[in-house]
Amino acid sequence: VGVPNEFKIAILKSDGTLIISDMVKRNHFQSVMEYTIGASAISEKAGPNGTVKEVFPMNYIWGFLLRMIATLIIEIGIALLFKFTLKKSWKTLVFTNVATQIILNIIIISSTIRNGQTSGFFIYIMAELFVVTTELIIYSKSLTEQKLLRRIVYTIIANLISCIAGFALFFLP
């Protein structure tokens, strides 16, 4: 199922000209290939004229930025509902969430590109447990304007809601 690890690209033009690439080896499960055909390939009848390169799909970058912004809005909004003040807590909230989102997205995107979305889904769940644990430790020690129980409940609820939102954003087409 899917594209093999090694393959050739064949283009049959309307005039019967056949253009075939050299052997292509893909490195990722979800690959995007660019096949650049030189002017000589367009005028010749056949042969390996052109270059193929695997490119990183930019939708992962845009998705990461969207998930980062959504997470910050959600978790800071929930922090305000839990009576944390931006004056005392914004640095901890922003820096912690940016750091954990970067780590989370590197892990998930790497797994998804190499092994597909099913793998990304399972890694997402495991990575979110890491994020919640990390944020529990940081917020328990840093967000001292509220009692410990409120910090713990805030961390769990904020991460649960941002996890659901991030999951929806990650797996949308």
Protein backbone atom coordinates (compact mmCIF):
# COMPACT_ATOMS: atom_id res chain seq x y z
CA VAL A 1 0.00 0.00 0.00
CA GLY A 2 1.33 3.42 -0.89
CA VAL A 3 4.43 4.51 -2.72
CA PRO A 4 7.42 2.13 -2.57
CA ASN A 5 10.70 3.25 -1.01
CA GLU A 6 12.40 3.30 -4.42
CA PHE A 7 10.65 4.23 -7.66
CA LYS A 8 10.89 6.16 -10.92
CA ILE A 9 8.67 8.96 -12.13
CA ALA A 10 7.29 8.58 -15.65
CA ILE A 11 5.62 11.39 -17.56
CA LEU A 12 3.87 10.63 -20.83
CA LYS A 13 3.20 13.82 -22.76
CA SER A 14 0.27 14.19 -25.17
CA ASP A 15 2.62 13.93 -28.16
CA GLY A 16 3.80 10.49 -27.01
CA THR A 17 7.09 11.70 -25.51
CA LEU A 18 8.04 9.66 -22.46
CA ILE A 19 10.18 11.24 -19.74
CA ILE A 20 11.49 8.89 -17.04
CA SER A 21 13.43 9.99 -13.98
CA ASP A 22 16.42 8.25 -12.48
CA MET A 23 15.68 5.94 -9.54
CA VAL A 24 14.20 7.94 -6.66
CA LYS A 25 14.58 6.89 -3.01
CA ARG A 26 12.19 8.40 -0.53
CA ASN A 27 13.29 8.98 3.06
CA HIS A 28 9.94 9.69 4.73
CA PHE A 29 6.60 7.91 4.93
CA GLN A 30 4.78 11.05 3.84
CA SER A 31 6.99 12.39 1.11
CA VAL A 32 6.55 15.31 -1.21
CA MET A 33 8.72 15.00 -4.30
CA GLU A 34 9.66 17.77 -6.71
CA TYR A 35 10.62 16.69 -10.21
CA THR A 36 12.36 19.44 -12.15
CA ILE A 37 12.58 18.79 -15.86
CA GLY A 38 15.20 20.67 -17.85
CA ALA A 39 14.57 22.18 -21.28
CA SER A 40 16.45 19.28 -22.90
CA ALA A 41 13.96 16.76 -21.45
CA ILE A 42 11.04 18.56 -23.01
CA SER A 43 12.49 18.35 -26.51
CA GLU A 44 13.99 14.82 -26.32
CA LYS A 45 12.05 11.57 -26.76
CA ALA A 46 13.09 9.74 -23.58
CA GLY A 47 15.65 9.47 -20.85
CA PRO A 48 16.42 10.47 -17.28
CA ASN A 49 16.41 14.22 -17.83
CA GLY A 50 15.65 16.14 -14.70
CA THR A 51 16.20 16.07 -10.97
CA VAL A 52 14.01 14.77 -8.19
CA LYS A 53 14.26 15.98 -4.63
CA GLU A 54 12.25 15.31 -1.52
CA VAL A 55 10.94 18.49 0.09
CA PHE A 56 9.61 19.14 3.57
CA PRO A 57 5.84 19.76 3.44
CA MET A 58 5.26 23.36 4.59
CA ASN A 59 1.80 22.53 5.96
CA TYR A 60 3.59 21.06 9.00
CA ILE A 61 5.20 24.43 9.76
CA TRP A 62 1.91 26.31 9.39
CA GLY A 63 0.15 23.69 11.50
CA PHE A 64 2.80 24.02 14.20
CA LEU A 65 2.38 27.81 14.31
CA LEU A 66 -1.40 27.49 14.44
CA ARG A 67 -1.21 24.94 17.29
CA MET A 68 1.29 27.15 19.15
CA ILE A 69 -0.95 30.21 18.95
CA ALA A 70 -4.06 28.21 19.89
CA THR A 71 -2.27 26.66 22.88
CA LEU A 72 -1.08 30.03 24.17
CA ILE A 73 -4.54 31.59 23.83
CA ILE A 74 -6.26 28.62 25.48
CA GLU A 75 -3.82 28.13 28.35
CA ILE A 76 -3.45 31.83 29.17
CA GLY A 77 -7.23 32.28 28.95
CA ILE A 78 -7.80 29.38 31.33
CA ALA A 79 -5.08 30.74 33.65
CA LEU A 80 -7.04 33.99 33.89
CA LEU A 81 -10.19 32.02 34.71
CA PHE A 82 -8.23 30.31 37.50
CA LYS A 83 -7.36 33.80 38.88
CA PHE A 84 -3.71 33.81 37.83
CA THR A 85 -2.58 37.31 36.84
CA LEU A 86 -0.62 38.08 33.72
CA LYS A 87 1.55 40.47 35.71
CA LYS A 88 2.93 37.61 37.83
CA SER A 89 2.51 34.59 35.56
CA TRP A 90 2.80 35.51 31.88
CA LYS A 91 6.52 34.74 31.51
CA THR A 92 6.19 31.29 33.06
CA LEU A 93 3.08 30.48 31.02
CA VAL A 94 4.48 31.71 27.70
CA PHE A 95 7.99 30.27 28.00
CA THR A 96 6.80 26.92 29.35
CA ASN A 97 4.17 26.51 26.63
CA VAL A 98 6.50 27.60 23.83
CA ALA A 99 9.17 25.15 25.00
CA THR A 100 6.78 22.22 25.45
CA GLN A 101 5.02 22.95 22.12
CA ILE A 102 8.33 22.99 20.26
CA ILE A 103 9.35 19.65 21.78
CA LEU A 104 5.87 18.15 21.30
CA ASN A 105 5.65 19.19 17.65
CA ILE A 106 9.16 18.04 16.77
CA ILE A 107 8.33 14.59 18.17
CA ILE A 108 4.90 14.35 16.53
CA ILE A 109 5.89 15.77 13.14
CA SER A 110 9.01 13.58 12.97
CA SER A 111 6.99 10.48 13.77
CA THR A 112 4.21 11.37 11.34
CA ILE A 113 6.60 12.09 8.47
CA ARG A 114 8.58 8.89 9.05
CA ASN A 115 5.76 6.51 9.98
CA GLY A 116 2.40 8.03 9.01
CA GLN A 117 -0.55 9.59 10.82
CA THR A 118 -1.45 6.50 12.83
CA SER A 119 1.97 6.61 14.43
CA GLY A 120 1.62 10.37 14.94
CA PHE A 121 -1.64 9.79 16.81
CA PHE A 122 -0.11 7.36 19.33
CA ILE A 123 3.00 9.49 19.75
CA TYR A 124 0.74 12.53 20.31
CA ILE A 125 -0.92 10.84 23.28
CA MET A 126 2.43 9.81 24.82
CA ALA A 127 4.01 13.21 24.18
CA GLU A 128 1.03 15.00 25.78
CA LEU A 129 1.55 12.96 28.95
CA PHE A 130 5.16 14.23 28.96
CA VAL A 131 3.91 17.82 28.49
CA VAL A 132 1.38 17.57 31.33
CA THR A 133 4.00 16.09 33.66
CA THR A 134 6.55 18.75 32.74
CA GLU A 135 4.06 21.58 33.14
CA LEU A 136 2.82 20.16 36.45
CA ILE A 137 6.35 20.27 37.81
CA ILE A 138 7.06 23.77 36.49
CA TYR A 139 3.72 25.32 37.45
CA SER A 140 3.71 23.70 40.89
CA LYS A 141 6.95 25.48 41.65
CA SER A 142 6.52 28.72 39.67
CA LEU A 143 2.89 29.85 39.70
CA THR A 144 2.93 30.61 43.41
CA GLU A 145 0.16 33.21 43.45
CA GLN A 146 -2.44 30.42 43.86
CA LYS A 147 -2.54 27.37 46.11
CA LEU A 148 -0.94 24.10 44.97
CA LEU A 149 -4.25 22.32 44.34
CA ARG A 150 -5.43 25.14 42.07
CA ARG A 151 -2.12 25.02 40.14
CA ILE A 152 -2.50 21.26 39.63
CA VAL A 153 -6.15 21.47 38.54
CA TYR A 154 -5.32 24.39 36.22
CA THR A 155 -2.48 22.45 34.58
CA ILE A 156 -4.61 19.38 33.97
CA ILE A 157 -7.65 21.26 32.63
CA ALA A 158 -5.63 23.68 30.47
CA ASN A 159 -3.62 20.85 28.96
CA LEU A 160 -6.67 18.68 28.37
CA ILE A 161 -8.45 21.47 26.48
CA SER A 162 -5.37 22.54 24.51
CA CYS A 163 -4.62 18.86 23.75
CA ILE A 164 -8.08 18.38 22.26
CA ALA A 165 -7.75 21.58 20.24
CA GLY A 166 -4.22 20.67 19.12
CA PHE A 167 -5.32 17.18 18.17
CA ALA A 168 -8.13 18.58 16.04
CA LEU A 169 -5.76 21.05 14.38
CA PHE A 170 -3.06 18.41 13.78
CA PHE A 171 -5.29 15.89 12.07
CA LEU A 172 -7.47 18.24 10.03
CA PRO A 173 -6.78 17.94 6.30
